[in-house]
């Protein structure tokens, strides 16, 4: 409910801050949302949001050139 690319990005940013706050812990994030269309939890392009959620992952966790 109320899943938007903007809220997803906020959650990713909070998660990244938490991962970086633990200097000795592994820096691993498991995105368990790849293809759950029937449950409303998927991370694929769609006709409503396009690529916005995938772009949020890239913007928060992707490497910069």
PDB file of N, CA and C in Angstrom:
ATOM      1  N   UNK A   1       0.837  -1.175   0.000  1.00  0.00           N
ATOM      2  CA  UNK A   1       0.000   0.000   0.000  1.00  0.00           C
ATOM      3  C   UNK A   1       0.886   1.243   0.000  1.00  0.00           C
ATOM      4  N   UNK A   2       0.522   2.185  -0.792  1.00  0.00           N
ATOM      5  CA  UNK A   2       1.276   3.436  -0.926  1.00  0.00           C
ATOM      6  C   UNK A   2       2.710   3.221  -1.391  1.00  0.00           C
ATOM      7  N   UNK A   3       2.939   2.158  -2.141  1.00  0.00           N
ATOM      8  CA  UNK A   3       4.273   1.932  -2.694  1.00  0.00           C
ATOM      9  C   UNK A   3       4.483   2.871  -3.870  1.00  0.00           C
ATOM     10  N   UNK A   4       5.479   3.723  -3.748  1.00  0.00           N
ATOM     11  CA  UNK A   4       5.838   4.616  -4.839  1.00  0.00           C
ATOM     12  C   UNK A   4       7.341   4.526  -5.031  1.00  0.00           C
ATOM     13  N   UNK A   5       7.829   4.890  -6.203  1.00  0.00           N
ATOM     14  CA  UNK A   5       9.281   4.906  -6.403  1.00  0.00           C
ATOM     15  C   UNK A   5       9.986   5.846  -5.422  1.00  0.00           C
ATOM     16  N   UNK A   6       9.342   6.918  -5.061  1.00  0.00           N
ATOM     17  CA  UNK A   6       9.948   7.870  -4.130  1.00  0.00           C
ATOM     18  C   UNK A   6      10.095   7.261  -2.737  1.00  0.00           C
ATOM     19  N   UNK A   7       9.064   6.582  -2.273  1.00  0.00           N
ATOM     20  CA  UNK A   7       9.150   5.929  -0.958  1.00  0.00           C
ATOM     21  C   UNK A   7      10.149   4.782  -0.987  1.00  0.00           C
ATOM     22  N   UNK A   8      10.203   4.066  -2.094  1.00  0.00           N
ATOM     23  CA  UNK A   8      11.177   2.988  -2.237  1.00  0.00           C
ATOM     24  C   UNK A   8      12.590   3.547  -2.168  1.00  0.00           C
ATOM     25  N   UNK A   9      12.828   4.649  -2.850  1.00  0.00           N
ATOM     26  CA  UNK A   9      14.149   5.279  -2.816  1.00  0.00           C
ATOM     27  C   UNK A   9      14.504   5.729  -1.400  1.00  0.00           C
ATOM     28  N   UNK A  10      13.552   6.310  -0.684  1.00  0.00           N
ATOM     29  CA  UNK A  10      13.794   6.712   0.706  1.00  0.00           C
ATOM     30  C   UNK A  10      14.207   5.508   1.551  1.00  0.00           C
ATOM     31  N   UNK A  11      13.520   4.393   1.359  1.00  0.00           N
ATOM     32  CA  UNK A  11      13.859   3.176   2.105  1.00  0.00           C
ATOM     33  C   UNK A  11      15.262   2.690   1.740  1.00  0.00           C
ATOM     34  N   UNK A  12      15.619   2.777   0.462  1.00  0.00           N
ATOM     35  CA  UNK A  12      16.963   2.390   0.042  1.00  0.00           C
ATOM     36  C   UNK A  12      18.019   3.288   0.676  1.00  0.00           C
ATOM     37  N   UNK A  13      17.756   4.577   0.733  1.00  0.00           N
ATOM     38  CA  UNK A  13      18.721   5.510   1.318  1.00  0.00           C
ATOM     39  C   UNK A  13      18.907   5.250   2.810  1.00  0.00           C
ATOM     40  N   UNK A  14      17.813   4.977   3.524  1.00  0.00           N
ATOM     41  CA  UNK A  14      17.903   4.651   4.946  1.00  0.00           C
ATOM     42  C   UNK A  14      18.708   3.366   5.142  1.00  0.00           C
ATOM     43  N   UNK A  15      18.440   2.378   4.300  1.00  0.00           N
ATOM     44  CA  UNK A  15      19.157   1.116   4.390  1.00  0.00           C
ATOM     45  C   UNK A  15      20.641   1.307   4.120  1.00  0.00           C
ATOM     46  N   UNK A  16      20.981   2.102   3.134  1.00  0.00           N
ATOM     47  CA  UNK A  16      22.384   2.359   2.831  1.00  0.00           C
ATOM     48  C   UNK A  16      23.080   3.029   4.013  1.00  0.00           C
ATOM     49  N   UNK A  17      22.420   4.005   4.633  1.00  0.00           N
ATOM     50  CA  UNK A  17      22.997   4.668   5.806  1.00  0.00           C
ATOM     51  C   UNK A  17      23.252   3.669   6.925  1.00  0.00           C
ATOM     52  N   UNK A  18      22.318   2.762   7.135  1.00  0.00           N
ATOM     53  CA  UNK A  18      22.479   1.744   8.184  1.00  0.00           C
ATOM     54  C   UNK A  18      23.631   0.803   7.862  1.00  0.00           C
ATOM     55  N   UNK A  19      23.744   0.396   6.606  1.00  0.00           N
ATOM     56  CA  UNK A  19      24.843  -0.488   6.214  1.00  0.00           C
ATOM     57  C   UNK A  19      26.194   0.197   6.419  1.00  0.00           C
ATOM     58  N   UNK A  20      26.281   1.455   6.052  1.00  0.00           N
ATOM     59  CA  UNK A  20      27.545   2.176   6.172  1.00  0.00           C
ATOM     60  C   UNK A  20      27.878   2.531   7.621  1.00  0.00           C
ATOM     61  N   UNK A  21      26.885   2.555   8.492  1.00  0.00           N
ATOM     62  CA  UNK A  21      27.107   2.877   9.899  1.00  0.00           C
ATOM     63  C   UNK A  21      27.757   1.721  10.663  1.00  0.00           C
ATOM     64  N   UNK A  22      27.796   0.558  10.067  1.00  0.00           N
ATOM     65  CA  UNK A  22      28.407  -0.615  10.696  1.00  0.00           C
ATOM     66  C   UNK A  22      29.692  -0.954   9.947  1.00  0.00           C
ATOM     67  N   UNK A  23      30.810  -0.327  10.312  1.00  0.00           N
ATOM     68  CA  UNK A  23      32.031  -0.453   9.511  1.00  0.00           C
ATOM     69  C   UNK A  23      32.586  -1.870   9.402  1.00  0.00           C
ATOM     70  N   UNK A  24      32.361  -2.720  10.389  1.00  0.00           N
ATOM     71  CA  UNK A  24      32.923  -4.071  10.341  1.00  0.00           C
ATOM     72  C   UNK A  24      31.953  -5.113   9.803  1.00  0.00           C
ATOM     73  N   UNK A  25      30.737  -4.718   9.524  1.00  0.00           N
ATOM     74  CA  UNK A  25      29.723  -5.660   9.037  1.00  0.00           C
ATOM     75  C   UNK A  25      29.794  -5.778   7.516  1.00  0.00           C
ATOM     76  N   UNK A  26      29.367  -6.922   6.979  1.00  0.00           N
ATOM     77  CA  UNK A  26      29.311  -7.072   5.520  1.00  0.00           C
ATOM     78  C   UNK A  26      28.345  -6.054   4.921  1.00  0.00           C
ATOM     79  N   UNK A  27      28.669  -5.550   3.780  1.00  0.00           N
ATOM     80  CA  UNK A  27      27.828  -4.570   3.082  1.00  0.00           C
ATOM     81  C   UNK A  27      26.974  -5.299   2.046  1.00  0.00           C
ATOM     82  N   UNK A  28      25.976  -6.022   2.539  1.00  0.00           N
ATOM     83  CA  UNK A  28      25.134  -6.837   1.677  1.00  0.00           C
ATOM     84  C   UNK A  28      23.677  -6.441   1.846  1.00  0.00           C
ATOM     85  N   UNK A  29      22.996  -6.273   0.738  1.00  0.00           N
ATOM     86  CA  UNK A  29      21.567  -5.978   0.746  1.00  0.00           C
ATOM     87  C   UNK A  29      20.885  -6.946  -0.203  1.00  0.00           C
ATOM     88  N   UNK A  30      19.861  -7.620   0.280  1.00  0.00           N
ATOM     89  CA  UNK A  30      19.093  -8.543  -0.535  1.00  0.00           C
ATOM     90  C   UNK A  30      17.754  -7.889  -0.854  1.00  0.00           C
ATOM     91  N   UNK A  31      17.516  -7.613  -2.123  1.00  0.00           N
ATOM     92  CA  UNK A  31      16.238  -7.045  -2.549  1.00  0.00           C
ATOM     93  C   UNK A  31      15.299  -8.193  -2.899  1.00  0.00           C
ATOM     94  N   UNK A  32      14.387  -8.473  -2.013  1.00  0.00           N
ATOM     95  CA  UNK A  32      13.464  -9.584  -2.208  1.00  0.00           C
ATOM     96  C   UNK A  32      12.142  -9.051  -2.753  1.00  0.00           C
ATOM     97  N   UNK A  33      12.180  -8.632  -3.989  1.00  0.00           N
ATOM     98  CA  UNK A  33      10.993  -8.034  -4.579  1.00  0.00           C
ATOM     99  C   UNK A  33      11.023  -8.156  -6.098  1.00  0.00           C
ATOM    100  N   UNK A  34      11.879  -8.962  -6.623  1.00  0.00           N
ATOM    101  CA  UNK A  34      12.144  -8.963  -8.050  1.00  0.00           C
ATOM    102  C   UNK A  34      10.909  -9.222  -8.911  1.00  0.00           C
ATOM    103  N   UNK A  35      10.130 -10.276  -8.654  1.00  0.00           N
ATOM    104  CA  UNK A  35       9.069 -10.633  -9.593  1.00  0.00           C
ATOM    105  C   UNK A  35       7.832 -11.166  -8.869  1.00  0.00           C
ATOM    106  N   UNK A  36       7.296 -10.398  -7.947  1.00  0.00           N
ATOM    107  CA  UNK A  36       6.105 -10.791  -7.192  1.00  0.00           C
ATOM    108  C   UNK A  36       4.908  -9.967  -7.656  1.00  0.00           C
ATOM    109  N   UNK A  37       4.559 -10.115  -8.911  1.00  0.00           N
ATOM    110  CA  UNK A  37       3.492  -9.311  -9.500  1.00  0.00           C
ATOM    111  C   UNK A  37       2.165  -9.503  -8.781  1.00  0.00           C
ATOM    112  N   UNK A  38       1.812 -10.734  -8.452  1.00  0.00           N
ATOM    113  CA  UNK A  38       0.513 -10.991  -7.827  1.00  0.00           C
ATOM    114  C   UNK A  38       0.434 -10.441  -6.412  1.00  0.00           C
ATOM    115  N   UNK A  39       1.579 -10.218  -5.778  1.00  0.00           N
ATOM    116  CA  UNK A  39       1.601  -9.681  -4.418  1.00  0.00           C
ATOM    117  C   UNK A  39       1.861  -8.175  -4.407  1.00  0.00           C
ATOM    118  N   UNK A  40       1.998  -7.576  -5.589  1.00  0.00           N
ATOM    119  CA  UNK A  40       2.223  -6.134  -5.676  1.00  0.00           C
ATOM    120  C   UNK A  40       3.619  -5.720  -5.268  1.00  0.00           C
ATOM    121  N   UNK A  41       4.551  -6.645  -5.309  1.00  0.00           N
ATOM    122  CA  UNK A  41       5.920  -6.351  -4.898  1.00  0.00           C
ATOM    123  C   UNK A  41       6.864  -6.858  -5.980  1.00  0.00           C
ATOM    124  N   UNK A  42       7.202  -5.994  -6.893  1.00  0.00           N
ATOM    125  CA  UNK A  42       8.066  -6.398  -7.999  1.00  0.00           C
ATOM    126  C   UNK A  42       9.028  -5.270  -8.322  1.00  0.00           C
ATOM    127  N   UNK A  43      10.125  -5.636  -8.932  1.00  0.00           N
ATOM    128  CA  UNK A  43      11.159  -4.667  -9.282  1.00  0.00           C
ATOM    129  C   UNK A  43      11.492  -4.811 -10.759  1.00  0.00           C
ATOM    130  N   UNK A  44      10.493  -4.613 -11.562  1.00  0.00           N
ATOM    131  CA  UNK A  44      10.627  -4.685 -13.006  1.00  0.00           C
ATOM    132  C   UNK A  44       9.908  -3.481 -13.611  1.00  0.00           C
ATOM    133  N   UNK A  45      10.271  -3.095 -14.810  1.00  0.00           N
ATOM    134  CA  UNK A  45       9.552  -1.996 -15.466  1.00  0.00           C
ATOM    135  C   UNK A  45       8.072  -2.346 -15.625  1.00  0.00           C
ATOM    136  N   UNK A  46       7.232  -1.352 -15.476  1.00  0.00           N
ATOM    137  CA  UNK A  46       5.807  -1.568 -15.713  1.00  0.00           C
ATOM    138  C   UNK A  46       5.227  -0.363 -16.451  1.00  0.00           C
ATOM    139  N   UNK A  47       3.959  -0.449 -16.774  1.00  0.00           N
ATOM    140  CA  UNK A  47       3.329   0.625 -17.548  1.00  0.00           C
ATOM    141  C   UNK A  47       2.952   1.823 -16.687  1.00  0.00           C
ATOM    142  N   UNK A  48       2.987   1.685 -15.374  1.00  0.00           N
ATOM    143  CA  UNK A  48       2.628   2.789 -14.487  1.00  0.00           C
ATOM    144  C   UNK A  48       3.847   3.605 -14.067  1.00  0.00           C
ATOM    145  N   UNK A  49       4.864   2.929 -13.551  1.00  0.00           N
ATOM    146  CA  UNK A  49       6.047   3.619 -13.024  1.00  0.00           C
ATOM    147  C   UNK A  49       7.261   3.552 -13.950  1.00  0.00           C
ATOM    148  N   UNK A  50       7.160   2.770 -14.996  1.00  0.00           N
ATOM    149  CA  UNK A  50       8.298   2.643 -15.911  1.00  0.00           C
ATOM    150  C   UNK A  50       9.492   2.018 -15.209  1.00  0.00           C
ATOM    151  N   UNK A  51      10.633   2.667 -15.304  1.00  0.00           N
ATOM    152  CA  UNK A  51      11.890   2.156 -14.734  1.00  0.00           C
ATOM    153  C   UNK A  51      12.256   2.844 -13.420  1.00  0.00           C
ATOM    154  N   UNK A  52      11.346   3.598 -12.828  1.00  0.00           N
ATOM    155  CA  UNK A  52      11.689   4.449 -11.687  1.00  0.00           C
ATOM    156  C   UNK A  52      12.254   3.694 -10.491  1.00  0.00           C
ATOM    157  N   UNK A  53      11.717   2.530 -10.163  1.00  0.00           N
ATOM    158  CA  UNK A  53      12.244   1.775  -9.014  1.00  0.00           C
ATOM    159  C   UNK A  53      13.634   1.228  -9.310  1.00  0.00           C
ATOM    160  N   UNK A  54      13.845   0.721 -10.504  1.00  0.00           N
ATOM    161  CA  UNK A  54      15.178   0.257 -10.880  1.00  0.00           C
ATOM    162  C   UNK A  54      16.166   1.418 -10.898  1.00  0.00           C
ATOM    163  N   UNK A  55      15.732   2.561 -11.372  1.00  0.00           N
ATOM    164  CA  UNK A  55      16.596   3.741 -11.377  1.00  0.00           C
ATOM    165  C   UNK A  55      16.931   4.184  -9.952  1.00  0.00           C
ATOM    166  N   UNK A  56      15.992   4.026  -9.022  1.00  0.00           N
ATOM    167  CA  UNK A  56      16.251   4.376  -7.624  1.00  0.00           C
ATOM    168  C   UNK A  56      17.360   3.495  -7.047  1.00  0.00           C
ATOM    169  N   UNK A  57      17.337   2.205  -7.368  1.00  0.00           N
ATOM    170  CA  UNK A  57      18.396   1.297  -6.902  1.00  0.00           C
ATOM    171  C   UNK A  57      19.740   1.754  -7.459  1.00  0.00           C
ATOM    172  N   UNK A  58      19.770   2.064  -8.742  1.00  0.00           N
ATOM    173  CA  UNK A  58      21.017   2.517  -9.366  1.00  0.00           C
ATOM    174  C   UNK A  58      21.508   3.825  -8.749  1.00  0.00           C
ATOM    175  N   UNK A  59      20.595   4.757  -8.540  1.00  0.00           N
ATOM    176  CA  UNK A  59      21.001   6.060  -7.997  1.00  0.00           C
ATOM    177  C   UNK A  59      21.530   5.954  -6.571  1.00  0.00           C
ATOM    178  N   UNK A  60      20.949   5.084  -5.767  1.00  0.00           N
ATOM    179  CA  UNK A  60      21.370   4.972  -4.372  1.00  0.00           C
ATOM    180  C   UNK A  60      22.590   4.063  -4.229  1.00  0.00           C
ATOM    181  N   UNK A  61      22.627   2.949  -4.941  1.00  0.00           N
ATOM    182  CA  UNK A  61      23.683   1.950  -4.745  1.00  0.00           C
ATOM    183  C   UNK A  61      24.648   1.820  -5.921  1.00  0.00           C
ATOM    184  N   UNK A  62      24.319   2.395  -7.061  1.00  0.00           N
ATOM    185  CA  UNK A  62      25.172   2.228  -8.236  1.00  0.00           C
ATOM    186  C   UNK A  62      26.460   3.000  -8.123  1.00  0.00           C
ATOM    187  N   UNK A  63      27.411   2.551  -8.887  1.00  0.00           N
ATOM    188  CA  UNK A  63      28.698   3.271  -8.901  1.00  0.00           C
ATOM    189  C   UNK A  63      28.593   4.480  -9.804  1.00  0.00           C
ATOM    190  N   UNK A  64      29.367   5.442  -9.518  1.00  0.00           N
ATOM    191  CA  UNK A  64      29.388   6.676 -10.310  1.00  0.00           C
ATOM    192  C   UNK A  64      30.578   6.621 -11.258  1.00  0.00           C
ATOM    193  N   UNK A  65      30.403   7.119 -12.489  1.00  0.00           N
ATOM    194  CA  UNK A  65      31.527   7.106 -13.440  1.00  0.00           C
ATOM    195  C   UNK A  65      32.672   7.993 -12.983  1.00  0.00           C
TER     196      UNK A  65
END
